Amino acid sequence: MWGYMGNYGGGWGGMGFGLIGMSLFWIVLIIGIVALLKGRWGSPGSGERRPEKTALDILKERYARGEIDKAEFDQKRNDLAA
């Protein structure tokens, strides 16, 4: 009875490949679902984008770093307000 495997391809060897195939199927399915959920709702930090800097913000940073003086800062700020 155990000696004859018929058309099953060798008994335990066929079942081993089936187990590996089924495991790979579930792993790929779970990874796919997780990827879809992350794409839909995003990761915890992805939704918190910093707003773009305005020209006035950049001007203030340049003044704070000492790249421009008070007169140039005031003149450029007035130009931006106009």
Protein backbone atom coordinates (compact mmCIF):
# COMPACT_ATOMS: atom_id res chain seq x y z
CA MET A 1 0.00 0.00 0.00
CA TRP A 2 2.71 2.56 0.93
CA GLY A 3 5.02 1.38 -1.83
CA TYR A 4 2.64 2.35 -4.62
CA MET A 5 2.03 6.08 -5.01
CA GLY A 6 0.13 5.96 -8.27
CA ASN A 7 -0.17 9.34 -9.98
CA TYR A 8 0.59 11.46 -6.91
CA GLY A 9 4.20 12.17 -7.83
CA GLY A 10 5.98 10.57 -4.90
CA GLY A 11 3.87 11.14 -1.81
CA TRP A 12 5.57 13.47 0.70
CA GLY A 13 7.54 15.32 -1.98
CA GLY A 14 4.34 16.49 -3.68
CA MET A 15 2.82 17.52 -0.37
CA GLY A 16 5.95 19.49 0.54
CA PHE A 17 5.73 21.54 -2.63
CA GLY A 18 2.03 22.09 -1.99
CA LEU A 19 2.76 23.37 1.50
CA ILE A 20 5.44 25.73 0.18
CA GLY A 21 3.15 26.95 -2.59
CA MET A 22 0.27 27.56 -0.19
CA SER A 23 2.56 29.38 2.24
CA LEU A 24 3.90 31.60 -0.55
CA PHE A 25 0.34 32.32 -1.68
CA TRP A 26 -0.69 33.51 1.81
CA ILE A 27 2.49 35.54 2.29
CA VAL A 28 2.02 37.31 -1.04
CA LEU A 29 -1.67 37.90 -0.28
CA ILE A 30 -0.94 39.42 3.14
CA ILE A 31 1.87 41.61 1.77
CA GLY A 32 -0.46 42.79 -0.99
CA ILE A 33 -3.20 43.71 1.46
CA VAL A 34 -0.76 45.57 3.70
CA ALA A 35 0.63 47.46 0.69
CA LEU A 36 -2.88 48.47 -0.39
CA LEU A 37 -3.78 49.66 3.09
CA LYS A 38 -0.57 51.68 3.40
CA GLY A 39 -1.22 53.24 0.01
CA ARG A 40 -4.77 54.17 0.95
CA TRP A 41 -4.16 55.56 4.42
CA GLY A 42 -0.43 56.14 4.28
CA SER A 43 2.13 55.59 6.95
CA PRO A 44 1.83 57.58 10.19
CA GLY A 45 4.24 60.34 9.14
CA SER A 46 3.36 60.61 5.45
CA GLY A 47 0.30 62.84 5.88
CA GLU A 48 2.15 65.47 7.85
CA ARG A 49 3.79 67.38 5.05
CA ARG A 50 5.44 70.62 5.94
CA PRO A 51 3.96 73.54 4.04
CA GLU A 52 6.07 75.14 1.35
CA LYS A 53 8.11 78.12 2.44
CA THR A 54 6.86 81.45 1.25
CA ALA A 55 9.12 84.12 -0.13
CA LEU A 56 8.68 86.07 3.09
CA ASP A 57 9.78 83.04 5.14
CA ILE A 58 12.94 82.73 3.07
CA LEU A 59 13.57 86.46 3.40
CA LYS A 60 13.22 86.25 7.19
CA GLU A 61 15.66 83.33 7.31
CA ARG A 62 18.22 85.23 5.24
CA TYR A 63 17.89 88.23 7.57
CA ALA A 64 18.23 86.01 10.63
CA ARG A 65 21.40 84.44 9.23
CA GLY A 66 22.86 87.88 8.56
CA GLU A 67 22.98 87.51 4.78
CA ILE A 68 21.09 90.78 4.32
CA ASP A 69 20.87 93.91 6.45
CA LYS A 70 17.80 95.66 7.89
CA ALA A 71 17.46 98.14 5.03
CA GLU A 72 17.57 95.40 2.38
CA PHE A 73 15.14 93.27 4.40
CA ASP A 74 12.64 96.13 4.68
CA GLN A 75 12.95 96.99 0.99
CA LYS A 76 12.42 93.38 -0.15
CA ARG A 77 9.55 92.87 2.33
CA ASN A 78 7.83 95.95 0.93
CA ASP A 79 8.38 94.65 -2.61
CA LEU A 80 6.78 91.34 -1.66
CA ALA A 81 3.79 93.05 -0.03
CA ALA A 82 3.08 95.09 -3.16
